[in-house]
Amino acid sequence: MFLILRTTAENIDFKDQVVLLDEFLKKRDGEDHTFYAQFNKLDNIKNTVVCYHQKDLLDVVHLKNILKPL
């Protein structure tokens, strides 16, 4: 059974995945990581989606509103 959960950036599974992603990016970015890290903050992320199969975490995404209301 799959579970797709709409949640916030406070979700513990989402936060754990962000830590892992940051560790990966730090290695990949090398000396430029400090510059790029400024754009990878959770402050403005309100909506996230966390996907599970059985009880195993499959993926996480965040949804960022880039359109201004009319």
Protein backbone atom coordinates (compact mmCIF):
# COMPACT_ATOMS: atom_id res chain seq x y z
CA MET A 1 0.00 0.00 0.00
CA PHE A 2 1.23 3.47 -0.87
CA LEU A 3 0.71 6.52 1.30
CA ILE A 4 1.15 10.02 -0.08
CA LEU A 5 1.09 12.53 2.73
CA ARG A 6 0.82 16.28 2.26
CA THR A 7 2.54 17.87 5.20
CA THR A 8 4.87 20.71 6.19
CA ALA A 9 8.63 21.16 6.35
CA GLU A 10 8.38 20.15 10.01
CA ASN A 11 7.81 16.50 9.05
CA ILE A 12 10.66 14.47 10.55
CA ASP A 13 11.13 12.28 7.46
CA PHE A 14 11.29 15.36 5.25
CA LYS A 15 13.86 16.97 7.57
CA ASP A 16 15.98 13.79 7.64
CA GLN A 17 16.06 13.71 3.84
CA VAL A 18 17.04 17.39 3.71
CA VAL A 19 20.03 16.63 5.96
CA LEU A 20 21.11 13.80 3.65
CA LEU A 21 20.70 16.03 0.60
CA ASP A 22 22.74 18.79 2.22
CA GLU A 23 25.56 16.34 2.99
CA PHE A 24 25.55 15.18 -0.65
CA LEU A 25 25.52 18.75 -1.98
CA LYS A 26 28.34 19.77 0.35
CA LYS A 27 30.57 17.09 -1.21
CA ARG A 28 29.48 17.88 -4.75
CA ASP A 29 29.71 21.68 -4.42
CA GLY A 30 33.11 21.62 -2.74
CA GLU A 31 34.40 25.13 -2.02
CA ASP A 32 31.26 26.70 -3.54
CA HIS A 33 28.94 25.05 -1.02
CA THR A 34 28.71 28.11 1.23
CA PHE A 35 27.45 30.16 -1.70
CA TYR A 36 24.83 27.60 -2.81
CA ALA A 37 23.74 26.72 0.74
CA GLN A 38 22.17 30.15 1.17
CA PHE A 39 19.48 29.13 -1.33
CA ASN A 40 18.70 25.81 0.38
CA LYS A 41 16.81 26.95 3.46
CA LEU A 42 13.54 25.57 4.80
CA ASP A 43 12.28 28.93 6.06
CA ASN A 44 9.88 29.58 3.19
CA ILE A 45 8.76 26.01 2.53
CA LYS A 46 5.19 25.55 3.66
CA ASN A 47 4.03 22.50 1.69
CA THR A 48 5.78 19.18 1.32
CA VAL A 49 4.78 15.75 0.10
CA VAL A 50 6.16 12.58 1.69
CA CYS A 51 5.61 9.23 -0.03
CA TYR A 52 5.70 5.85 1.67
CA HIS A 53 5.34 2.25 0.53
CA GLN A 54 4.22 0.09 3.43
CA LYS A 55 6.19 1.91 6.16
CA ASP A 56 9.26 2.62 4.03
CA LEU A 57 9.97 6.16 2.94
CA LEU A 58 10.16 6.42 -0.84
CA ASP A 59 10.61 10.10 -1.58
CA VAL A 60 10.01 13.64 -0.40
CA VAL A 61 9.34 16.81 -2.36
CA HIS A 62 8.60 20.38 -1.53
CA LEU A 63 6.15 22.64 -3.28
CA LYS A 64 7.12 26.24 -3.74
CA ASN A 65 4.67 28.83 -4.95
CA ILE A 66 6.43 30.85 -7.63
CA LEU A 67 3.35 32.55 -9.01
CA LYS A 68 1.92 35.72 -7.59
CA PRO A 69 -1.86 35.79 -6.99
CA LEU A 70 -3.87 37.70 -9.57
